[in-house]
Amino acid sequence: MPSLFSNLAARPTTSVGILRRNYSVFEVQQDGLLYYAFFKLRGLRASNSDNAHLNLFVESAYERPDKVISRRKVPFGMLAEAVVTNAKL
């Protein structure tokens, strides 16, 4: 599981689904099965710098035969930027 999310950071153009405020879903196909990982991103800004950090919390992840319907799909990098800057998607 950790390698799936490190791939998101390495490839910020990977599409993720927006479910509702602060909840997103990442879809991956592996060994012919469709897996979904439901997660939250939270941004932390250090008070003494302009650097921002992201915390990613996996809420659940499992194989699911039917598609998860999302409000919208966006690149992971766009989601991360929106979380850090408190922007709406």
N, C-alpha and C. Protein backbone atom coordinates (compact mmCIF):
# COMPACT_ATOMS: atom_id res chain seq x y z
N MET A 1 0.81 -1.20 0.00
CA MET A 1 0.00 0.00 0.00
C MET A 1 0.86 1.27 0.00
N PRO A 2 1.91 1.38 0.82
CA PRO A 2 2.69 2.62 0.82
C PRO A 2 3.25 2.96 -0.56
N SER A 3 3.64 1.97 -1.35
CA SER A 3 4.20 2.26 -2.66
C SER A 3 3.17 2.89 -3.58
N LEU A 4 1.90 2.55 -3.42
CA LEU A 4 0.85 3.17 -4.24
C LEU A 4 0.81 4.67 -4.00
N PHE A 5 0.91 5.08 -2.73
CA PHE A 5 0.82 6.49 -2.42
C PHE A 5 2.12 7.24 -2.70
N SER A 6 3.25 6.56 -2.60
CA SER A 6 4.49 7.23 -2.99
C SER A 6 4.49 7.48 -4.50
N ASN A 7 3.82 6.61 -5.26
CA ASN A 7 3.67 6.83 -6.70
C ASN A 7 2.83 8.06 -6.99
N LEU A 8 1.84 8.34 -6.15
CA LEU A 8 1.04 9.56 -6.34
C LEU A 8 1.92 10.80 -6.22
N ALA A 9 2.77 10.82 -5.24
CA ALA A 9 3.65 11.97 -5.05
C ALA A 9 4.68 12.07 -6.18
N ALA A 10 5.15 10.93 -6.65
CA ALA A 10 6.14 10.92 -7.73
C ALA A 10 5.52 11.28 -9.07
N ARG A 11 4.24 10.96 -9.24
CA ARG A 11 3.54 11.25 -10.50
C ARG A 11 2.29 12.09 -10.19
N PRO A 12 2.45 13.39 -9.97
CA PRO A 12 1.33 14.24 -9.54
C PRO A 12 0.22 14.39 -10.58
N THR A 13 0.43 13.89 -11.78
CA THR A 13 -0.64 13.97 -12.79
C THR A 13 -1.60 12.79 -12.70
N THR A 14 -1.34 11.84 -11.80
CA THR A 14 -2.23 10.70 -11.62
C THR A 14 -3.61 11.19 -11.17
N SER A 15 -4.63 10.68 -11.80
CA SER A 15 -6.01 11.10 -11.53
C SER A 15 -6.54 10.51 -10.23
N VAL A 16 -7.16 11.36 -9.42
CA VAL A 16 -7.84 10.92 -8.20
C VAL A 16 -9.26 11.48 -8.24
N GLY A 17 -10.17 10.79 -7.61
CA GLY A 17 -11.56 11.24 -7.55
C GLY A 17 -11.84 12.01 -6.29
N ILE A 18 -12.62 13.08 -6.43
CA ILE A 18 -13.05 13.86 -5.27
C ILE A 18 -14.43 13.34 -4.87
N LEU A 19 -14.56 12.88 -3.65
CA LEU A 19 -15.84 12.33 -3.19
C LEU A 19 -16.65 13.39 -2.46
N ARG A 20 -16.08 13.97 -1.45
CA ARG A 20 -16.69 15.07 -0.71
C ARG A 20 -15.57 15.79 0.00
N ARG A 21 -15.87 16.84 0.68
CA ARG A 21 -14.82 17.67 1.28
C ARG A 21 -13.80 16.81 2.02
N ASN A 22 -12.56 16.95 1.61
CA ASN A 22 -11.40 16.29 2.21
C ASN A 22 -11.33 14.78 1.99
N TYR A 23 -12.28 14.20 1.29
CA TYR A 23 -12.19 12.76 0.99
C TYR A 23 -11.96 12.57 -0.49
N SER A 24 -11.03 11.70 -0.80
CA SER A 24 -10.71 11.40 -2.19
C SER A 24 -10.53 9.90 -2.34
N VAL A 25 -10.48 9.47 -3.60
CA VAL A 25 -10.31 8.05 -3.86
C VAL A 25 -9.28 7.87 -4.97
N PHE A 26 -8.47 6.86 -4.81
CA PHE A 26 -7.44 6.51 -5.77
C PHE A 26 -7.76 5.10 -6.26
N GLU A 27 -7.80 4.94 -7.55
CA GLU A 27 -8.15 3.65 -8.16
C GLU A 27 -6.91 3.03 -8.77
N VAL A 28 -6.72 1.74 -8.52
CA VAL A 28 -5.57 1.05 -9.11
C VAL A 28 -5.99 -0.37 -9.50
N GLN A 29 -5.52 -0.79 -10.64
CA GLN A 29 -5.80 -2.15 -11.09
C GLN A 29 -4.52 -2.96 -10.93
N GLN A 30 -4.67 -4.10 -10.25
CA GLN A 30 -3.51 -4.94 -9.98
C GLN A 30 -3.94 -6.40 -10.04
N ASP A 31 -3.20 -7.18 -10.76
CA ASP A 31 -3.48 -8.61 -10.90
C ASP A 31 -4.91 -8.86 -11.39
N GLY A 32 -5.41 -7.99 -12.26
CA GLY A 32 -6.74 -8.16 -12.82
C GLY A 32 -7.87 -7.73 -11.91
N LEU A 33 -7.56 -7.22 -10.72
CA LEU A 33 -8.58 -6.77 -9.77
C LEU A 33 -8.53 -5.25 -9.65
N LEU A 34 -9.67 -4.66 -9.35
CA LEU A 34 -9.78 -3.21 -9.19
C LEU A 34 -9.81 -2.87 -7.71
N TYR A 35 -8.85 -2.08 -7.26
CA TYR A 35 -8.75 -1.69 -5.86
C TYR A 35 -9.02 -0.20 -5.73
N TYR A 36 -9.62 0.18 -4.61
CA TYR A 36 -9.86 1.58 -4.29
C TYR A 36 -9.26 1.89 -2.94
N ALA A 37 -8.59 3.02 -2.85
CA ALA A 37 -8.05 3.51 -1.59
C ALA A 37 -8.71 4.86 -1.31
N PHE A 38 -9.41 4.96 -0.21
CA PHE A 38 -10.09 6.18 0.19
C PHE A 38 -9.19 6.91 1.17
N PHE A 39 -8.95 8.20 0.91
CA PHE A 39 -7.99 8.92 1.73
C PHE A 39 -8.39 10.37 1.93
N LYS A 40 -7.75 10.98 2.93
CA LYS A 40 -7.87 12.41 3.22
C LYS A 40 -6.49 13.03 3.11
N LEU A 41 -6.45 14.24 2.64
CA LEU A 41 -5.20 15.03 2.66
C LEU A 41 -5.41 16.22 3.58
N ARG A 42 -4.42 16.49 4.39
CA ARG A 42 -4.45 17.69 5.24
C ARG A 42 -3.15 18.43 5.05
N GLY A 43 -3.26 19.73 4.94
CA GLY A 43 -2.07 20.56 4.78
C GLY A 43 -1.63 21.17 6.09
N LEU A 44 -0.35 21.22 6.30
CA LEU A 44 0.23 21.85 7.48
C LEU A 44 1.24 22.88 7.02
N ARG A 45 1.11 24.08 7.50
CA ARG A 45 2.06 25.13 7.15
C ARG A 45 2.85 25.47 8.41
N ALA A 46 4.17 25.42 8.30
CA ALA A 46 5.03 25.77 9.42
C ALA A 46 4.93 27.27 9.67
N SER A 47 4.83 27.65 10.90
CA SER A 47 4.62 29.07 11.24
C SER A 47 5.83 29.94 10.91
N ASN A 48 7.02 29.35 10.89
CA ASN A 48 8.22 30.16 10.66
C ASN A 48 8.77 30.04 9.25
N SER A 49 7.98 29.48 8.31
CA SER A 49 8.48 29.36 6.94
C SER A 49 7.32 29.32 5.96
N ASP A 50 7.65 29.40 4.70
CA ASP A 50 6.64 29.30 3.65
C ASP A 50 6.42 27.87 3.21
N ASN A 51 7.14 26.94 3.82
CA ASN A 51 7.02 25.53 3.43
C ASN A 51 5.70 24.94 3.93
N ALA A 52 5.11 24.13 3.11
CA ALA A 52 3.88 23.44 3.50
C ALA A 52 4.14 21.94 3.44
N HIS A 53 3.44 21.22 4.29
CA HIS A 53 3.56 19.78 4.33
C HIS A 53 2.18 19.17 4.18
N LEU A 54 2.14 18.00 3.61
CA LEU A 54 0.87 17.27 3.47
C LEU A 54 0.90 16.03 4.34
N ASN A 55 -0.21 15.79 4.99
CA ASN A 55 -0.42 14.52 5.69
C ASN A 55 -1.50 13.78 4.94
N LEU A 56 -1.24 12.55 4.59
CA LEU A 56 -2.19 11.71 3.88
C LEU A 56 -2.64 10.60 4.83
N PHE A 57 -3.95 10.51 5.02
CA PHE A 57 -4.53 9.51 5.90
C PHE A 57 -5.37 8.55 5.07
N VAL A 58 -5.00 7.28 5.07
CA VAL A 58 -5.79 6.27 4.37
C VAL A 58 -6.94 5.85 5.29
N GLU A 59 -8.15 6.07 4.83
CA GLU A 59 -9.33 5.71 5.61
C GLU A 59 -9.67 4.24 5.42
N SER A 60 -9.60 3.76 4.19
CA SER A 60 -9.83 2.35 3.90
C SER A 60 -9.32 2.06 2.49
N ALA A 61 -9.08 0.79 2.23
CA ALA A 61 -8.63 0.36 0.91
C ALA A 61 -9.05 -1.09 0.73
N TYR A 62 -9.68 -1.36 -0.40
CA TYR A 62 -10.15 -2.72 -0.64
C TYR A 62 -10.47 -2.93 -2.11
N GLU A 63 -10.60 -4.19 -2.47
CA GLU A 63 -10.98 -4.58 -3.82
C GLU A 63 -12.49 -4.40 -3.94
N ARG A 64 -12.90 -3.86 -5.07
CA ARG A 64 -14.32 -3.59 -5.28
C ARG A 64 -14.63 -3.81 -6.76
N PRO A 65 -15.62 -4.62 -7.07
CA PRO A 65 -15.91 -4.92 -8.48
C PRO A 65 -16.59 -3.78 -9.23
N ASP A 66 -17.34 -2.93 -8.53
CA ASP A 66 -18.04 -1.84 -9.21
C ASP A 66 -17.32 -0.51 -8.98
N LYS A 67 -17.48 0.40 -9.94
CA LYS A 67 -16.79 1.69 -9.90
C LYS A 67 -17.32 2.58 -8.78
N VAL A 68 -16.43 3.35 -8.19
CA VAL A 68 -16.80 4.36 -7.21
C VAL A 68 -17.09 5.64 -7.99
N ILE A 69 -18.25 6.22 -7.76
CA ILE A 69 -18.64 7.45 -8.45
C ILE A 69 -18.11 8.65 -7.67
N SER A 70 -17.34 9.48 -8.35
CA SER A 70 -16.80 10.68 -7.71
C SER A 70 -17.44 11.92 -8.31
N ARG A 71 -17.41 13.01 -7.53
CA ARG A 71 -17.95 14.29 -8.02
C ARG A 71 -17.13 14.80 -9.20
N ARG A 72 -15.83 14.56 -9.12
CA ARG A 72 -14.91 15.12 -10.11
C ARG A 72 -13.60 14.37 -10.02
N LYS A 73 -12.88 14.31 -11.13
CA LYS A 73 -11.54 13.74 -11.14
C LYS A 73 -10.55 14.87 -11.41
N VAL A 74 -9.48 14.86 -10.65
CA VAL A 74 -8.43 15.88 -10.80
C VAL A 74 -7.08 15.20 -10.65
N PRO A 75 -6.02 15.82 -11.15
CA PRO A 75 -4.68 15.29 -10.90
C PRO A 75 -4.34 15.41 -9.41
N PHE A 76 -3.61 14.45 -8.88
CA PHE A 76 -3.24 14.47 -7.48
C PHE A 76 -2.52 15.76 -7.11
N GLY A 77 -1.66 16.26 -7.98
CA GLY A 77 -0.93 17.50 -7.71
C GLY A 77 -1.85 18.68 -7.53
N MET A 78 -2.93 18.74 -8.30
CA MET A 78 -3.91 19.82 -8.17
C MET A 78 -4.64 19.72 -6.83
N LEU A 79 -4.98 18.50 -6.44
CA LEU A 79 -5.62 18.28 -5.14
C LEU A 79 -4.69 18.72 -4.01
N ALA A 80 -3.42 18.33 -4.09
CA ALA A 80 -2.45 18.70 -3.06
C ALA A 80 -2.30 20.21 -2.96
N GLU A 81 -2.21 20.87 -4.10
CA GLU A 81 -2.09 22.33 -4.10
C GLU A 81 -3.32 22.99 -3.49
N ALA A 82 -4.50 22.50 -3.82
CA ALA A 82 -5.74 23.05 -3.28
C ALA A 82 -5.80 22.88 -1.76
N VAL A 83 -5.33 21.75 -1.28
CA VAL A 83 -5.35 21.49 0.17
C VAL A 83 -4.40 22.45 0.88
N VAL A 84 -3.21 22.62 0.35
CA VAL A 84 -2.21 23.48 0.98
C VAL A 84 -2.65 24.95 0.96
N THR A 85 -3.29 25.38 -0.11
CA THR A 85 -3.67 26.79 -0.25
C THR A 85 -5.11 27.06 0.19
N ASN A 86 -5.81 26.04 0.67
CA ASN A 86 -7.22 26.16 1.07
C ASN A 86 -8.11 26.63 -0.07
N ALA A 87 -7.79 26.22 -1.28
CA ALA A 87 -8.58 26.60 -2.45
C ALA A 87 -9.67 25.54 -2.69
N LYS A 88 -10.73 25.96 -3.33
CA LYS A 88 -11.79 25.03 -3.68
C LYS A 88 -11.49 24.40 -5.03
N LEU A 89 -11.90 23.16 -5.18
CA LEU A 89 -11.76 22.48 -6.47
C LEU A 89 -13.10 22.45 -7.18
